[in-house]
PDB file of N, CA and C in Angstrom:
ATOM      1  N   MET A   1     116.906 -11.325 -20.453  1.00  0.00           N
ATOM      2  CA  MET A   1     115.996 -11.794 -21.035  1.00  0.00           C
ATOM      3  C   MET A   1     116.155 -12.131 -22.570  1.00  0.00           C
ATOM      4  N   HIS A   2     116.489 -13.070 -22.929  1.00  0.00           N
ATOM      5  CA  HIS A   2     116.425 -13.509 -24.170  1.00  0.00           C
ATOM      6  C   HIS A   2     115.025 -14.095 -24.919  1.00  0.00           C
ATOM      7  N   LEU A   3     114.866 -12.777 -26.104  1.00  0.00           N
ATOM      8  CA  LEU A   3     114.262 -13.587 -26.813  1.00  0.00           C
ATOM      9  C   LEU A   3     114.408 -14.016 -28.738  1.00  0.00           C
ATOM     10  N   ARG A   4     113.754 -15.220 -28.929  1.00  0.00           N
ATOM     11  CA  ARG A   4     114.358 -15.765 -30.090  1.00  0.00           C
ATOM     12  C   ARG A   4     112.738 -14.696 -31.228  1.00  0.00           C
ATOM     13  N   ALA A   5     113.352 -14.772 -32.443  1.00  0.00           N
ATOM     14  CA  ALA A   5     112.502 -14.180 -33.418  1.00  0.00           C
ATOM     15  C   ALA A   5     111.423 -15.105 -33.661  1.00  0.00           C
ATOM     16  N   ASP A   6     111.174 -16.271 -33.605  1.00  0.00           N
ATOM     17  CA  ASP A   6     109.830 -17.579 -33.384  1.00  0.00           C
ATOM     18  C   ASP A   6     109.087 -16.869 -32.618  1.00  0.00           C
ATOM     19  N   GLN A   7     109.619 -16.271 -31.356  1.00  0.00           N
ATOM     20  CA  GLN A   7     108.889 -16.435 -30.097  1.00  0.00           C
ATOM     21  C   GLN A   7     107.752 -14.863 -30.523  1.00  0.00           C
ATOM     22  N   ASP A   8     106.094 -15.063 -29.814  1.00  0.00           N
ATOM     23  CA  ASP A   8     105.174 -14.082 -29.968  1.00  0.00           C
ATOM     24  C   ASP A   8     105.518 -12.976 -28.710  1.00  0.00           C
ATOM     25  N   THR A   9     105.860 -11.795 -28.767  1.00  0.00           N
ATOM     26  CA  THR A   9     105.828 -10.891 -27.539  1.00  0.00           C
ATOM     27  C   THR A   9     104.884 -10.224 -27.039  1.00  0.00           C
ATOM     28  N   GLN A  10     103.697 -10.254 -28.105  1.00  0.00           N
ATOM     29  CA  GLN A  10     103.232  -9.699 -27.637  1.00  0.00           C
ATOM     30  C   GLN A  10     101.491 -10.372 -26.582  1.00  0.00           C
ATOM     31  N   GLN A  11     101.224  -9.765 -25.944  1.00  0.00           N
ATOM     32  CA  GLN A  11     100.203 -11.060 -24.586  1.00  0.00           C
ATOM     33  C   GLN A  11      98.989 -10.430 -25.367  1.00  0.00           C
ATOM     34  N   GLU A  12      97.899 -11.628 -25.223  1.00  0.00           N
ATOM     35  CA  GLU A  12      96.442 -11.012 -25.489  1.00  0.00           C
ATOM     36  C   GLU A  12      95.508 -10.180 -24.623  1.00  0.00           C
ATOM     37  N   PRO A  13      94.916  -9.212 -24.682  1.00  0.00           N
ATOM     38  CA  PRO A  13      94.647  -8.287 -23.551  1.00  0.00           C
ATOM     39  C   PRO A  13      93.299  -9.249 -22.705  1.00  0.00           C
ATOM     40  N   PRO A  14      93.108  -8.984 -21.789  1.00  0.00           N
ATOM     41  CA  PRO A  14      92.399 -10.086 -20.697  1.00  0.00           C
ATOM     42  C   PRO A  14      90.640  -9.791 -21.736  1.00  0.00           C
ATOM     43  N   PRO A  15      89.984 -10.759 -20.992  1.00  0.00           N
ATOM     44  CA  PRO A  15      88.829 -10.834 -21.729  1.00  0.00           C
ATOM     45  C   PRO A  15      87.819  -9.856 -21.420  1.00  0.00           C
ATOM     46  N   ALA A  16      86.890  -9.140 -22.223  1.00  0.00           N
ATOM     47  CA  ALA A  16      86.140  -8.097 -22.072  1.00  0.00           C
ATOM     48  C   ALA A  16      84.824  -8.374 -20.902  1.00  0.00           C
ATOM     49  N   ALA A  17      84.500  -7.659 -20.246  1.00  0.00           N
ATOM     50  CA  ALA A  17      83.456  -7.941 -19.444  1.00  0.00           C
ATOM     51  C   ALA A  17      82.436  -8.962 -20.101  1.00  0.00           C
ATOM     52  N   PHE A  18      81.684  -8.287 -21.020  1.00  0.00           N
ATOM     53  CA  PHE A  18      80.417  -9.460 -21.792  1.00  0.00           C
ATOM     54  C   PHE A  18      81.225 -10.507 -22.438  1.00  0.00           C
ATOM     55  N   SER A  19      82.289 -10.800 -22.393  1.00  0.00           N
ATOM     56  CA  SER A  19      82.618 -11.919 -23.245  1.00  0.00           C
ATOM     57  C   SER A  19      82.019 -13.639 -22.540  1.00  0.00           C
ATOM     58  N   ALA A  20      82.041 -13.467 -20.999  1.00  0.00           N
ATOM     59  CA  ALA A  20      81.090 -14.086 -20.371  1.00  0.00           C
ATOM     60  C   ALA A  20      79.762 -14.681 -20.917  1.00  0.00           C
ATOM     61  N   ILE A  21      78.920 -13.021 -21.196  1.00  0.00           N
ATOM     62  CA  ILE A  21      77.681 -13.293 -21.921  1.00  0.00           C
ATOM     63  C   ILE A  21      77.648 -13.898 -23.007  1.00  0.00           C
ATOM     64  N   TRP A  22      78.147 -14.125 -23.972  1.00  0.00           N
ATOM     65  CA  TRP A  22      78.494 -14.135 -25.311  1.00  0.00           C
ATOM     66  C   TRP A  22      78.825 -15.794 -25.071  1.00  0.00           C
ATOM     67  N   ASP A  23      79.671 -15.945 -24.053  1.00  0.00           N
ATOM     68  CA  ASP A  23      79.812 -17.573 -24.021  1.00  0.00           C
ATOM     69  C   ASP A  23      78.591 -18.254 -23.539  1.00  0.00           C
ATOM     70  N   LEU A  24      77.605 -18.113 -23.096  1.00  0.00           N
ATOM     71  CA  LEU A  24      76.647 -18.583 -22.675  1.00  0.00           C
ATOM     72  C   LEU A  24      75.351 -18.608 -24.227  1.00  0.00           C
ATOM     73  N   PRO A  25      75.543 -19.195 -24.882  1.00  0.00           N
ATOM     74  CA  PRO A  25      74.718 -19.637 -26.162  1.00  0.00           C
ATOM     75  C   PRO A  25      73.306 -19.511 -26.119  1.00  0.00           C
ATOM     76  N   GLU A  26      72.902 -20.529 -25.309  1.00  0.00           N
ATOM     77  CA  GLU A  26      71.355 -20.827 -24.862  1.00  0.00           C
ATOM     78  C   GLU A  26      71.086 -20.659 -23.173  1.00  0.00           C
ATOM     79  N   LEU A  27      70.207 -19.279 -23.044  1.00  0.00           N
ATOM     80  CA  LEU A  27      69.753 -18.914 -21.991  1.00  0.00           C
ATOM     81  C   LEU A  27      68.904 -19.342 -21.654  1.00  0.00           C
ATOM     82  N   TYR A  28      67.900 -20.103 -22.338  1.00  0.00           N
ATOM     83  CA  TYR A  28      65.907 -20.520 -22.444  1.00  0.00           C
ATOM     84  C   TYR A  28      66.109 -21.662 -23.002  1.00  0.00           C
ATOM     85  N   LYS A  29      65.426 -22.732 -22.482  1.00  0.00           N
ATOM     86  CA  LYS A  29      64.731 -23.743 -23.009  1.00  0.00           C
ATOM     87  C   LYS A  29      63.945 -24.280 -22.651  1.00  0.00           C
ATOM     88  N   ASN A  30      62.787 -24.709 -23.071  1.00  0.00           N
ATOM     89  CA  ASN A  30      61.519 -25.319 -22.674  1.00  0.00           C
ATOM     90  C   ASN A  30      60.734 -25.932 -23.828  1.00  0.00           C
ATOM     91  N   LYS A  31      60.718 -27.247 -24.036  1.00  0.00           N
ATOM     92  CA  LYS A  31      60.054 -27.432 -24.790  1.00  0.00           C
ATOM     93  C   LYS A  31      58.686 -27.988 -25.154  1.00  0.00           C
ATOM     94  N   GLU A  32      58.298 -27.684 -23.822  1.00  0.00           N
ATOM     95  CA  GLU A  32      56.473 -27.768 -23.438  1.00  0.00           C
ATOM     96  C   GLU A  32      56.046 -26.501 -23.514  1.00  0.00           C
ATOM     97  N   ASN A  33      56.890 -25.503 -23.918  1.00  0.00           N
ATOM     98  CA  ASN A  33      56.289 -23.766 -23.881  1.00  0.00           C
ATOM     99  C   ASN A  33      55.924 -23.772 -25.444  1.00  0.00           C
ATOM    100  N   PRO A  34      54.314 -23.800 -25.383  1.00  0.00           N
ATOM    101  CA  PRO A  34      54.123 -23.310 -26.977  1.00  0.00           C
ATOM    102  C   PRO A  34      54.226 -22.088 -27.497  1.00  0.00           C
ATOM    103  N   PHE A  35      55.039 -20.795 -26.615  1.00  0.00           N
ATOM    104  CA  PHE A  35      55.477 -19.688 -27.558  1.00  0.00           C
ATOM    105  C   PHE A  35      56.876 -19.516 -27.820  1.00  0.00           C
ATOM    106  N   ILE A  36      57.396 -19.340 -26.805  1.00  0.00           N
ATOM    107  CA  ILE A  36      58.813 -19.807 -26.838  1.00  0.00           C
ATOM    108  C   ILE A  36      59.905 -21.004 -26.427  1.00  0.00           C
ATOM    109  N   GLN A  37      60.308 -21.840 -26.918  1.00  0.00           N
ATOM    110  CA  GLN A  37      60.966 -23.149 -27.049  1.00  0.00           C
ATOM    111  C   GLN A  37      62.395 -23.463 -26.478  1.00  0.00           C
ATOM    112  N   LYS A  38      63.196 -21.823 -27.387  1.00  0.00           N
ATOM    113  CA  LYS A  38      64.602 -22.039 -27.174  1.00  0.00           C
ATOM    114  C   LYS A  38      65.169 -20.445 -26.915  1.00  0.00           C
ATOM    115  N   PHE A  39      65.725 -19.760 -26.511  1.00  0.00           N
ATOM    116  CA  PHE A  39      66.308 -18.217 -26.507  1.00  0.00           C
ATOM    117  C   PHE A  39      67.984 -18.694 -26.451  1.00  0.00           C
ATOM    118  N   ASP A  40      68.248 -17.770 -27.757  1.00  0.00           N
ATOM    119  CA  ASP A  40      69.559 -18.420 -27.594  1.00  0.00           C
ATOM    120  C   ASP A  40      70.293 -16.921 -28.075  1.00  0.00           C
ATOM    121  N   LEU A  41      71.422 -16.155 -27.862  1.00  0.00           N
ATOM    122  CA  LEU A  41      72.067 -15.481 -28.024  1.00  0.00           C
ATOM    123  C   LEU A  41      73.275 -15.399 -29.036  1.00  0.00           C
ATOM    124  N   VAL A  42      73.354 -15.015 -30.370  1.00  0.00           N
ATOM    125  CA  VAL A  42      74.261 -15.134 -31.440  1.00  0.00           C
ATOM    126  C   VAL A  42      74.918 -13.875 -31.827  1.00  0.00           C
ATOM    127  N   GLY A  43      76.422 -13.717 -31.991  1.00  0.00           N
ATOM    128  CA  GLY A  43      77.181 -12.866 -32.850  1.00  0.00           C
ATOM    129  C   GLY A  43      77.625 -12.056 -31.495  1.00  0.00           C
ATOM    130  N   ARG A  44      78.406 -10.949 -31.544  1.00  0.00           N
ATOM    131  CA  ARG A  44      79.286 -10.125 -30.891  1.00  0.00           C
ATOM    132  C   ARG A  44      79.186  -9.000 -31.027  1.00  0.00           C
TER     133      ARG A  44
END
């Protein structure tokens, strides 16, 4: 195996279990609901 100095030898770790949840920004949306029109998860 030949490695060059400009090649990155570290691999990214697999995504965490909750990464899929944070990728879903909008969990609920209903413009006709008078109390909650939209529910988003923001942050990590």
